[in-house]
PDB file of all heavy atoms in Angstrom:
ATOM      1  N   GLY A   1      -1.101 -11.381   8.016  1.00  0.00           N
ATOM      2  CA  GLY A   1      -0.839 -12.352   9.076  1.00  0.00           C
ATOM      3  C   GLY A   1      -2.085 -12.796   9.827  1.00  0.00           C
ATOM      4  O   GLY A   1      -1.983 -13.512  10.817  1.00  0.00           O
ATOM      5  N   GLY A   2      -3.261 -12.382   9.375  1.00  0.00           N
ATOM      6  CA  GLY A   2      -4.505 -12.749  10.048  1.00  0.00           C
ATOM      7  C   GLY A   2      -5.035 -11.581  10.870  1.00  0.00           C
ATOM      8  O   GLY A   2      -5.240 -10.491  10.360  1.00  0.00           O
ATOM      9  N   GLU A   3      -5.206 -11.816  12.154  1.00  0.00           N
ATOM     10  CA  GLU A   3      -5.670 -10.757  13.045  1.00  0.00           C
ATOM     11  C   GLU A   3      -4.534  -9.896  13.566  1.00  0.00           C
ATOM     12  O   GLU A   3      -4.754  -8.814  14.123  1.00  0.00           O
ATOM     13  CB  GLU A   3      -6.451 -11.356  14.233  1.00  0.00           C
ATOM     14  CG  GLU A   3      -7.830 -11.860  13.879  1.00  0.00           C
ATOM     15  CD  GLU A   3      -8.717 -10.762  13.301  1.00  0.00           C
ATOM     16  OE1 GLU A   3      -8.849  -9.704  13.958  1.00  0.00           O
ATOM     17  OE2 GLU A   3      -9.258 -10.949  12.191  1.00  0.00           O
ATOM     18  N   ASN A   4      -3.311 -10.371  13.404  1.00  0.00           N
ATOM     19  CA  ASN A   4      -2.136  -9.632  13.860  1.00  0.00           C
ATOM     20  C   ASN A   4      -1.172  -9.367  12.705  1.00  0.00           C
ATOM     21  O   ASN A   4      -1.120 -10.131  11.743  1.00  0.00           O
ATOM     22  CB  ASN A   4      -1.397 -10.412  14.955  1.00  0.00           C
ATOM     23  CG  ASN A   4      -2.239 -10.608  16.184  1.00  0.00           C
ATOM     24  OD1 ASN A   4      -2.817  -9.664  16.721  1.00  0.00           O
ATOM     25  ND2 ASN A   4      -2.338 -11.860  16.653  1.00  0.00           N
ATOM     26  N   ILE A   5      -0.427  -8.291  12.816  1.00  0.00           N
ATOM     27  CA  ILE A   5       0.598  -7.983  11.815  1.00  0.00           C
ATOM     28  C   ILE A   5       1.651  -9.086  11.823  1.00  0.00           C
ATOM     29  O   ILE A   5       2.137  -9.499  12.869  1.00  0.00           O
ATOM     30  CB  ILE A   5       1.245  -6.619  12.128  1.00  0.00           C
ATOM     31  CG1 ILE A   5       0.268  -5.488  11.787  1.00  0.00           C
ATOM     32  CG2 ILE A   5       2.544  -6.444  11.352  1.00  0.00           C
ATOM     33  CD1 ILE A   5       0.790  -4.114  12.134  1.00  0.00           C
ATOM     34  N   GLY A   6       1.981  -9.550  10.625  1.00  0.00           N
ATOM     35  CA  GLY A   6       2.995 -10.585  10.476  1.00  0.00           C
ATOM     36  C   GLY A   6       4.099 -10.166   9.535  1.00  0.00           C
ATOM     37  O   GLY A   6       4.216  -9.010   9.124  1.00  0.00           O
ATOM     38  N   TYR A   7       4.904 -11.140   9.181  1.00  0.00           N
ATOM     39  CA  TYR A   7       6.089 -10.922   8.347  1.00  0.00           C
ATOM     40  C   TYR A   7       5.733 -10.233   7.025  1.00  0.00           C
ATOM     41  O   TYR A   7       6.354  -9.242   6.644  1.00  0.00           O
ATOM     42  CB  TYR A   7       6.741 -12.284   8.089  1.00  0.00           C
ATOM     43  CG  TYR A   7       8.026 -12.275   7.320  1.00  0.00           C
ATOM     44  CD1 TYR A   7       9.259 -12.291   7.993  1.00  0.00           C
ATOM     45  CD2 TYR A   7       8.045 -12.312   5.932  1.00  0.00           C
ATOM     46  CE1 TYR A   7      10.455 -12.332   7.285  1.00  0.00           C
ATOM     47  CE2 TYR A   7       9.234 -12.341   5.214  1.00  0.00           C
ATOM     48  CZ  TYR A   7      10.437 -12.351   5.903  1.00  0.00           C
ATOM     49  OH  TYR A   7      11.618 -12.385   5.200  1.00  0.00           O
ATOM     50  N   LEU A   8       4.721 -10.756   6.319  1.00  0.00           N
ATOM     51  CA  LEU A   8       4.361 -10.200   5.023  1.00  0.00           C
ATOM     52  C   LEU A   8       3.795  -8.782   5.144  1.00  0.00           C
ATOM     53  O   LEU A   8       4.002  -7.947   4.256  1.00  0.00           O
ATOM     54  CB  LEU A   8       3.366 -11.118   4.311  1.00  0.00           C
ATOM     55  CG  LEU A   8       3.028 -10.780   2.860  1.00  0.00           C
ATOM     56  CD1 LEU A   8       4.295 -10.644   1.995  1.00  0.00           C
ATOM     57  CD2 LEU A   8       2.097 -11.829   2.258  1.00  0.00           C
ATOM     58  N   ASP A   9       3.106  -8.492   6.239  1.00  0.00           N
ATOM     59  CA  ASP A   9       2.635  -7.121   6.470  1.00  0.00           C
ATOM     60  C   ASP A   9       3.808  -6.152   6.546  1.00  0.00           C
ATOM     61  O   ASP A   9       3.739  -5.039   6.005  1.00  0.00           O
ATOM     62  CB  ASP A   9       1.831  -7.053   7.773  1.00  0.00           C
ATOM     63  CG  ASP A   9       0.545  -7.845   7.707  1.00  0.00           C
ATOM     64  OD1 ASP A   9      -0.423  -7.356   7.104  1.00  0.00           O
ATOM     65  OD2 ASP A   9       0.522  -8.964   8.244  1.00  0.00           O
ATOM     66  N   LEU A  10       4.876  -6.566   7.210  1.00  0.00           N
ATOM     67  CA  LEU A  10       6.039  -5.699   7.333  1.00  0.00           C
ATOM     68  C   LEU A  10       6.729  -5.520   5.983  1.00  0.00           C
ATOM     69  O   LEU A  10       7.204  -4.432   5.653  1.00  0.00           O
ATOM     70  CB  LEU A  10       7.028  -6.272   8.352  1.00  0.00           C
ATOM     71  CG  LEU A  10       6.495  -6.454   9.779  1.00  0.00           C
ATOM     72  CD1 LEU A  10       7.618  -6.883  10.718  1.00  0.00           C
ATOM     73  CD2 LEU A  10       5.826  -5.198  10.288  1.00  0.00           C
ATOM     74  N   VAL A  11       6.775  -6.602   5.202  1.00  0.00           N
ATOM     75  CA  VAL A  11       7.380  -6.517   3.875  1.00  0.00           C
ATOM     76  C   VAL A  11       6.620  -5.515   2.996  1.00  0.00           C
ATOM     77  O   VAL A  11       7.203  -4.710   2.277  1.00  0.00           O
ATOM     78  CB  VAL A  11       7.403  -7.907   3.206  1.00  0.00           C
ATOM     79  CG1 VAL A  11       7.849  -7.791   1.744  1.00  0.00           C
ATOM     80  CG2 VAL A  11       8.348  -8.838   3.952  1.00  0.00           C
ATOM     81  N   LEU A  12       5.296  -5.567   3.072  1.00  0.00           N
ATOM     82  CA  LEU A  12       4.448  -4.725   2.237  1.00  0.00           C
ATOM     83  C   LEU A  12       4.112  -3.384   2.896  1.00  0.00           C
ATOM     84  O   LEU A  12       3.410  -2.566   2.305  1.00  0.00           O
ATOM     85  CB  LEU A  12       3.147  -5.456   1.907  1.00  0.00           C
ATOM     86  CG  LEU A  12       3.308  -6.658   0.961  1.00  0.00           C
ATOM     87  CD1 LEU A  12       2.050  -7.515   0.983  1.00  0.00           C
ATOM     88  CD2 LEU A  12       3.587  -6.188  -0.455  1.00  0.00           C
ATOM     89  N   GLY A  13       4.627  -3.166   4.091  1.00  0.00           N
ATOM     90  CA  GLY A  13       4.264  -1.964   4.829  1.00  0.00           C
ATOM     91  C   GLY A  13       4.546  -0.664   4.109  1.00  0.00           C
ATOM     92  O   GLY A  13       3.824   0.325   4.278  1.00  0.00           O
ATOM     93  N   TRP A  14       5.566  -0.648   3.255  1.00  0.00           N
ATOM     94  CA  TRP A  14       5.921   0.583   2.519  1.00  0.00           C
ATOM     95  C   TRP A  14       4.776   1.054   1.626  1.00  0.00           C
ATOM     96  O   TRP A  14       4.675   2.242   1.339  1.00  0.00           O
ATOM     97  CB  TRP A  14       7.175   0.345   1.685  1.00  0.00           C
ATOM     98  CG  TRP A  14       6.988  -0.638   0.552  1.00  0.00           C
ATOM     99  CD1 TRP A  14       7.065  -1.998   0.642  1.00  0.00           C
ATOM    100  CD2 TRP A  14       6.679  -0.340  -0.801  1.00  0.00           C
ATOM    101  NE1 TRP A  14       6.823  -2.575  -0.577  1.00  0.00           N
ATOM    102  CE2 TRP A  14       6.574  -1.575  -1.494  1.00  0.00           C
ATOM    103  CE3 TRP A  14       6.464   0.833  -1.516  1.00  0.00           C
ATOM    104  CZ2 TRP A  14       6.269  -1.664  -2.841  1.00  0.00           C
ATOM    105  CZ3 TRP A  14       6.164   0.760  -2.865  1.00  0.00           C
ATOM    106  CH2 TRP A  14       6.068  -0.485  -3.515  1.00  0.00           C
ATOM    107  N   ILE A  15       3.921   0.123   1.196  1.00  0.00           N
ATOM    108  CA  ILE A  15       2.794   0.488   0.335  1.00  0.00           C
ATOM    109  C   ILE A  15       1.847   1.439   1.052  1.00  0.00           C
ATOM    110  O   ILE A  15       1.215   2.290   0.417  1.00  0.00           O
ATOM    111  CB  ILE A  15       2.060  -0.783  -0.133  1.00  0.00           C
ATOM    112  CG1 ILE A  15       2.950  -1.589  -1.090  1.00  0.00           C
ATOM    113  CG2 ILE A  15       0.727  -0.452  -0.805  1.00  0.00           C
ATOM    114  CD1 ILE A  15       2.400  -2.965  -1.440  1.00  0.00           C
ATOM    115  N   SER A  16       1.765   1.326   2.363  1.00  0.00           N
ATOM    116  CA  SER A  16       0.792   2.111   3.132  1.00  0.00           C
ATOM    117  C   SER A  16       1.164   3.587   3.229  1.00  0.00           C
ATOM    118  O   SER A  16       0.288   4.456   3.253  1.00  0.00           O
ATOM    119  CB  SER A  16       0.644   1.519   4.545  1.00  0.00           C
ATOM    120  OG  SER A  16       1.828   1.693   5.287  1.00  0.00           O
ATOM    121  N   TYR A  17       2.453   3.905   3.291  1.00  0.00           N
ATOM    122  CA  TYR A  17       2.868   5.288   3.510  1.00  0.00           C
ATOM    123  C   TYR A  17       3.835   5.814   2.461  1.00  0.00           C
ATOM    124  O   TYR A  17       3.845   6.992   2.130  1.00  0.00           O
ATOM    125  CB  TYR A  17       3.527   5.439   4.893  1.00  0.00           C
ATOM    126  CG  TYR A  17       4.930   4.872   4.947  1.00  0.00           C
ATOM    127  CD1 TYR A  17       6.039   5.696   4.744  1.00  0.00           C
ATOM    128  CD2 TYR A  17       5.145   3.505   5.137  1.00  0.00           C
ATOM    129  CE1 TYR A  17       7.318   5.168   4.741  1.00  0.00           C
ATOM    130  CE2 TYR A  17       6.419   2.979   5.131  1.00  0.00           C
ATOM    131  CZ  TYR A  17       7.498   3.808   4.936  1.00  0.00           C
ATOM    132  OH  TYR A  17       8.768   3.292   4.911  1.00  0.00           O
ATOM    133  N   PHE A  18       4.657   4.921   1.895  1.00  0.00           N
ATOM    134  CA  PHE A  18       5.722   5.339   0.976  1.00  0.00           C
ATOM    135  C   PHE A  18       5.234   5.417  -0.463  1.00  0.00           C
ATOM    136  O   PHE A  18       5.592   6.351  -1.192  1.00  0.00           O
ATOM    137  CB  PHE A  18       6.897   4.358   1.093  1.00  0.00           C
ATOM    138  CG  PHE A  18       8.199   4.878   0.557  1.00  0.00           C
ATOM    139  CD1 PHE A  18       8.786   6.009   1.111  1.00  0.00           C
ATOM    140  CD2 PHE A  18       8.859   4.242  -0.487  1.00  0.00           C
ATOM    141  CE1 PHE A  18      10.007   6.490   0.631  1.00  0.00           C
ATOM    142  CE2 PHE A  18      10.062   4.698  -0.971  1.00  0.00           C
ATOM    143  CZ  PHE A  18      10.636   5.838  -0.410  1.00  0.00           C
ATOM    144  N   LEU A  19       4.414   4.451  -0.873  1.00  0.00           N
ATOM    145  CA  LEU A  19       3.933   4.432  -2.250  1.00  0.00           C
ATOM    146  C   LEU A  19       3.135   5.687  -2.599  1.00  0.00           C
ATOM    147  O   LEU A  19       3.349   6.252  -3.687  1.00  0.00           O
ATOM    148  CB  LEU A  19       3.110   3.168  -2.516  1.00  0.00           C
ATOM    149  CG  LEU A  19       2.557   3.032  -3.935  1.00  0.00           C
ATOM    150  CD1 LEU A  19       3.677   3.068  -4.981  1.00  0.00           C
ATOM    151  CD2 LEU A  19       1.762   1.739  -4.073  1.00  0.00           C
ATOM    152  N   PRO A  20       2.218   6.185  -1.733  1.00  0.00           N
ATOM    153  CA  PRO A  20       1.505   7.416  -2.085  1.00  0.00           C
ATOM    154  C   PRO A  20       2.436   8.606  -2.333  1.00  0.00           C
ATOM    155  O   PRO A  20       2.153   9.439  -3.196  1.00  0.00           O
ATOM    156  CB  PRO A  20       0.601   7.661  -0.876  1.00  0.00           C
ATOM    157  CG  PRO A  20       0.400   6.309  -0.271  1.00  0.00           C
ATOM    158  CD  PRO A  20       1.700   5.601  -0.479  1.00  0.00           C
ATOM    159  N   VAL A  21       3.538   8.675  -1.607  1.00  0.00           N
ATOM    160  CA  VAL A  21       4.496   9.769  -1.809  1.00  0.00           C
ATOM    161  C   VAL A  21       5.256   9.555  -3.113  1.00  0.00           C
ATOM    162  O   VAL A  21       5.513  10.511  -3.851  1.00  0.00           O
ATOM    163  CB  VAL A  21       5.469   9.870  -0.616  1.00  0.00           C
ATOM    164  CG1 VAL A  21       6.332  11.128  -0.738  1.00  0.00           C
ATOM    165  CG2 VAL A  21       4.723   9.889   0.705  1.00  0.00           C
ATOM    166  N   MET A  22       5.591   8.304  -3.410  1.00  0.00           N
ATOM    167  CA  MET A  22       6.230   7.995  -4.695  1.00  0.00           C
ATOM    168  C   MET A  22       5.330   8.390  -5.858  1.00  0.00           C
ATOM    169  O   MET A  22       5.785   8.946  -6.856  1.00  0.00           O
ATOM    170  CB  MET A  22       6.556   6.499  -4.769  1.00  0.00           C
ATOM    171  CG  MET A  22       7.602   6.014  -3.805  1.00  0.00           C
ATOM    172  SD  MET A  22       7.786   4.206  -3.855  1.00  0.00           S
ATOM    173  CE  MET A  22       8.447   3.960  -5.498  1.00  0.00           C
ATOM    174  N   GLU A  23       4.040   8.084  -5.718  1.00  0.00           N
ATOM    175  CA  GLU A  23       3.084   8.407  -6.775  1.00  0.00           C
ATOM    176  C   GLU A  23       3.020   9.918  -7.018  1.00  0.00           C
ATOM    177  O   GLU A  23       2.997  10.374  -8.166  1.00  0.00           O
ATOM    178  CB  GLU A  23       1.703   7.869  -6.404  1.00  0.00           C
ATOM    179  CG  GLU A  23       1.607   6.342  -6.444  1.00  0.00           C
ATOM    180  CD  GLU A  23       0.272   5.841  -5.949  1.00  0.00           C
ATOM    181  OE1 GLU A  23      -0.311   6.476  -5.045  1.00  0.00           O
ATOM    182  OE2 GLU A  23      -0.194   4.806  -6.452  1.00  0.00           O
ATOM    183  N   GLU A  24       3.020  10.668  -5.933  1.00  0.00           N
ATOM    184  CA  GLU A  24       2.982  12.130  -6.074  1.00  0.00           C
ATOM    185  C   GLU A  24       4.273  12.656  -6.676  1.00  0.00           C
ATOM    186  O   GLU A  24       4.247  13.507  -7.590  1.00  0.00           O
ATOM    187  CB  GLU A  24       2.725  12.804  -4.721  1.00  0.00           C
ATOM    188  CG  GLU A  24       2.661  14.317  -4.820  1.00  0.00           C
ATOM    189  CD  GLU A  24       2.335  15.003  -3.500  1.00  0.00           C
ATOM    190  OE1 GLU A  24       1.930  14.314  -2.543  1.00  0.00           O
ATOM    191  OE2 GLU A  24       2.484  16.240  -3.426  1.00  0.00           O
ATOM    192  N   ALA A  25       5.388  12.157  -6.200  1.00  0.00           N
ATOM    193  CA  ALA A  25       6.680  12.638  -6.689  1.00  0.00           C
ATOM    194  C   ALA A  25       6.878  12.323  -8.181  1.00  0.00           C
ATOM    195  O   ALA A  25       7.405  13.138  -8.935  1.00  0.00           O
ATOM    196  CB  ALA A  25       7.816  12.027  -5.871  1.00  0.00           C
ATOM    197  N   GLY A  26       6.440  11.132  -8.596  1.00  0.00           N
ATOM    198  CA  GLY A  26       6.681  10.696  -9.959  1.00  0.00           C
ATOM    199  C   GLY A  26       5.508  10.870 -10.900  1.00  0.00           C
ATOM    200  O   GLY A  26       5.589  10.494 -12.075  1.00  0.00           O
ATOM    201  N   ASN A  27       4.391  11.410 -10.365  1.00  0.00           N
ATOM    202  CA  ASN A  27       3.206  11.669 -11.187  1.00  0.00           C
ATOM    203  C   ASN A  27       2.705  10.394 -11.881  1.00  0.00           C
ATOM    204  O   ASN A  27       2.596  10.326 -13.118  1.00  0.00           O
ATOM    205  CB  ASN A  27       3.485  12.765 -12.220  1.00  0.00           C
ATOM    206  CG  ASN A  27       2.203  13.254 -12.899  1.00  0.00           C
ATOM    207  OD1 ASN A  27       1.117  13.193 -12.310  1.00  0.00           O
ATOM    208  ND2 ASN A  27       2.322  13.724 -14.124  1.00  0.00           N
ATOM    209  N   PHE A  28       2.433   9.378 -11.085  1.00  0.00           N
ATOM    210  CA  PHE A  28       1.833   8.141 -11.599  1.00  0.00           C
ATOM    211  C   PHE A  28       0.884   7.628 -10.518  1.00  0.00           C
ATOM    212  O   PHE A  28       0.856   8.132  -9.405  1.00  0.00           O
ATOM    213  CB  PHE A  28       2.893   7.100 -11.944  1.00  0.00           C
ATOM    214  CG  PHE A  28       3.613   6.529 -10.756  1.00  0.00           C
ATOM    215  CD1 PHE A  28       3.304   5.274 -10.252  1.00  0.00           C
ATOM    216  CD2 PHE A  28       4.632   7.246 -10.129  1.00  0.00           C
ATOM    217  CE1 PHE A  28       3.971   4.740  -9.159  1.00  0.00           C
ATOM    218  CE2 PHE A  28       5.315   6.724  -9.036  1.00  0.00           C
ATOM    219  CZ  PHE A  28       4.978   5.468  -8.540  1.00  0.00           C
ATOM    220  N   HIS A  29       0.090   6.613 -10.850  1.00  0.00           N
ATOM    221  CA  HIS A  29      -0.892   6.130  -9.890  1.00  0.00           C
ATOM    222  C   HIS A  29      -1.052   4.619 -10.020  1.00  0.00           C
ATOM    223  O   HIS A  29      -1.218   4.105 -11.119  1.00  0.00           O
ATOM    224  CB  HIS A  29      -2.252   6.816 -10.106  1.00  0.00           C
ATOM    225  CG  HIS A  29      -3.210   6.645  -8.972  1.00  0.00           C
ATOM    226  ND1 HIS A  29      -2.913   7.002  -7.679  1.00  0.00           N
ATOM    227  CD2 HIS A  29      -4.468   6.131  -8.944  1.00  0.00           C
ATOM    228  CE1 HIS A  29      -3.937   6.741  -6.906  1.00  0.00           C
ATOM    229  NE2 HIS A  29      -4.908   6.194  -7.628  1.00  0.00           N
ATOM    230  N   ILE A  30      -1.008   3.953  -8.880  1.00  0.00           N
ATOM    231  CA  ILE A  30      -1.157   2.497  -8.853  1.00  0.00           C
ATOM    232  C   ILE A  30      -2.380   2.067  -8.033  1.00  0.00           C
ATOM    233  O   ILE A  30      -3.209   1.305  -8.502  1.00  0.00           O
ATOM    234  CB  ILE A  30       0.123   1.831  -8.276  1.00  0.00           C
ATOM    235  CG1 ILE A  30       1.308   2.031  -9.235  1.00  0.00           C
ATOM    236  CG2 ILE A  30      -0.102   0.336  -8.039  1.00  0.00           C
ATOM    237  CD1 ILE A  30       2.623   1.546  -8.686  1.00  0.00           C
ATOM    238  N   ILE A  31      -2.489   2.590  -6.815  1.00  0.00           N
ATOM    239  CA  ILE A  31      -3.542   2.130  -5.909  1.00  0.00           C
ATOM    240  C   ILE A  31      -4.796   2.984  -6.055  1.00  0.00           C
ATOM    241  O   ILE A  31      -4.856   4.112  -5.580  1.00  0.00           O
ATOM    242  CB  ILE A  31      -3.064   2.165  -4.439  1.00  0.00           C
ATOM    243  CG1 ILE A  31      -1.819   1.296  -4.259  1.00  0.00           C
ATOM    244  CG2 ILE A  31      -4.187   1.678  -3.516  1.00  0.00           C
ATOM    245  CD1 ILE A  31      -2.052  -0.175  -4.484  1.00  0.00           C
ATOM    246  N   ASP A  32      -5.795   2.426  -6.720  1.00  0.00           N
ATOM    247  CA  ASP A  32      -7.120   3.028  -6.806  1.00  0.00           C
ATOM    248  C   ASP A  32      -7.996   2.338  -5.749  1.00  0.00           C
ATOM    249  O   ASP A  32      -8.192   1.115  -5.823  1.00  0.00           O
ATOM    250  CB  ASP A  32      -7.699   2.820  -8.199  1.00  0.00           C
ATOM    251  CG  ASP A  32      -9.087   3.418  -8.362  1.00  0.00           C
ATOM    252  OD1 ASP A  32      -9.699   3.814  -7.354  1.00  0.00           O
ATOM    253  OD2 ASP A  32      -9.566   3.498  -9.513  1.00  0.00           O
ATOM    254  N   PRO A  33      -8.505   3.089  -4.764  1.00  0.00           N
ATOM    255  CA  PRO A  33      -9.315   2.458  -3.707  1.00  0.00           C
ATOM    256  C   PRO A  33     -10.511   1.674  -4.228  1.00  0.00           C
ATOM    257  O   PRO A  33     -10.932   0.690  -3.611  1.00  0.00           O
ATOM    258  CB  PRO A  33      -9.779   3.660  -2.870  1.00  0.00           C
ATOM    259  CG  PRO A  33      -8.759   4.719  -3.118  1.00  0.00           C
ATOM    260  CD  PRO A  33      -8.346   4.527  -4.545  1.00  0.00           C
ATOM    261  N   LEU A  34     -11.062   2.078  -5.380  1.00  0.00           N
ATOM    262  CA  LEU A  34     -12.202   1.360  -5.946  1.00  0.00           C
ATOM    263  C   LEU A  34     -11.771   0.022  -6.549  1.00  0.00           C
ATOM    264  O   LEU A  34     -12.514  -0.962  -6.502  1.00  0.00           O
ATOM    265  CB  LEU A  34     -12.886   2.219  -7.016  1.00  0.00           C
ATOM    266  CG  LEU A  34     -13.534   3.507  -6.525  1.00  0.00           C
ATOM    267  CD1 LEU A  34     -14.135   4.284  -7.686  1.00  0.00           C
ATOM    268  CD2 LEU A  34     -14.607   3.208  -5.477  1.00  0.00           C
ATOM    269  N   LYS A  35     -10.560  -0.004  -7.103  1.00  0.00           N
ATOM    270  CA  LYS A  35     -10.057  -1.234  -7.705  1.00  0.00           C
ATOM    271  C   LYS A  35      -9.378  -2.126  -6.672  1.00  0.00           C
ATOM    272  O   LYS A  35      -9.349  -3.358  -6.829  1.00  0.00           O
ATOM    273  CB  LYS A  35      -9.059  -0.892  -8.827  1.00  0.00           C
ATOM    274  CG  LYS A  35      -8.605  -2.113  -9.611  1.00  0.00           C
ATOM    275  CD  LYS A  35      -7.746  -1.723 -10.798  1.00  0.00           C
ATOM    276  CE  LYS A  35      -7.331  -2.945 -11.593  1.00  0.00           C
ATOM    277  NZ  LYS A  35      -6.493  -2.600 -12.778  1.00  0.00           N
ATOM    278  N   PHE A  36      -8.825  -1.512  -5.625  1.00  0.00           N
ATOM    279  CA  PHE A  36      -8.108  -2.271  -4.604  1.00  0.00           C
ATOM    280  C   PHE A  36      -8.699  -1.986  -3.215  1.00  0.00           C
ATOM    281  O   PHE A  36      -8.010  -1.432  -2.335  1.00  0.00           O
ATOM    282  CB  PHE A  36      -6.620  -1.905  -4.618  1.00  0.00           C
ATOM    283  CG  PHE A  36      -5.921  -2.234  -5.913  1.00  0.00           C
ATOM    284  CD1 PHE A  36      -5.555  -1.228  -6.797  1.00  0.00           C
ATOM    285  CD2 PHE A  36      -5.621  -3.538  -6.238  1.00  0.00           C
ATOM    286  CE1 PHE A  36      -4.906  -1.506  -7.982  1.00  0.00           C
ATOM    287  CE2 PHE A  36      -4.966  -3.842  -7.431  1.00  0.00           C
ATOM    288  CZ  PHE A  36      -4.603  -2.839  -8.306  1.00  0.00           C
ATOM    289  N   PRO A  37      -9.960  -2.336  -2.989  1.00  0.00           N
ATOM    290  CA  PRO A  37     -10.584  -2.031  -1.696  1.00  0.00           C
ATOM    291  C   PRO A  37      -9.961  -2.789  -0.523  1.00  0.00           C
ATOM    292  O   PRO A  37      -9.859  -2.242   0.585  1.00  0.00           O
ATOM    293  CB  PRO A  37     -12.051  -2.441  -1.896  1.00  0.00           C
ATOM    294  CG  PRO A  37     -12.013  -3.457  -3.002  1.00  0.00           C
ATOM    295  CD  PRO A  37     -10.911  -3.007  -3.908  1.00  0.00           C
ATOM    296  N   ALA A  38      -9.544  -4.035  -0.760  1.00  0.00           N
ATOM    297  CA  ALA A  38      -8.973  -4.825   0.339  1.00  0.00           C
ATOM    298  C   ALA A  38      -7.617  -4.258   0.756  1.00  0.00           C
ATOM    299  O   ALA A  38      -7.311  -4.148   1.942  1.00  0.00           O
ATOM    300  CB  ALA A  38      -8.847  -6.288  -0.070  1.00  0.00           C
ATOM    301  N   ILE A  39      -6.807  -3.889  -0.229  1.00  0.00           N
ATOM    302  CA  ILE A  39      -5.503  -3.282   0.090  1.00  0.00           C
ATOM    303  C   ILE A  39      -5.700  -1.937   0.768  1.00  0.00           C
ATOM    304  O   ILE A  39      -4.991  -1.601   1.731  1.00  0.00           O
ATOM    305  CB  ILE A  39      -4.657  -3.123  -1.190  1.00  0.00           C
ATOM    306  CG1 ILE A  39      -4.219  -4.488  -1.702  1.00  0.00           C
ATOM    307  CG2 ILE A  39      -3.439  -2.231  -0.931  1.00  0.00           C
ATOM    308  CD1 ILE A  39      -3.475  -4.447  -3.018  1.00  0.00           C
ATOM    309  N   SER A  40      -6.668  -1.165   0.304  1.00  0.00           N
ATOM    310  CA  SER A  40      -6.932   0.143   0.903  1.00  0.00           C
ATOM    311  C   SER A  40      -7.354   0.005   2.358  1.00  0.00           C
ATOM    312  O   SER A  40      -6.928   0.787   3.220  1.00  0.00           O
ATOM    313  CB  SER A  40      -8.017   0.874   0.101  1.00  0.00           C
ATOM    314  OG  SER A  40      -7.586   1.118  -1.224  1.00  0.00           O
TER     315      SER A  40
END
């Protein structure tokens, strides 16, 4: 949303806290900080 959290940030918010737990539970990996520095 720019300098402030917006609609799309809320939609994607699960990636910040939920996806890492999914990765651990299911033994897979999507977000590599080196490949996805902006998302990280």
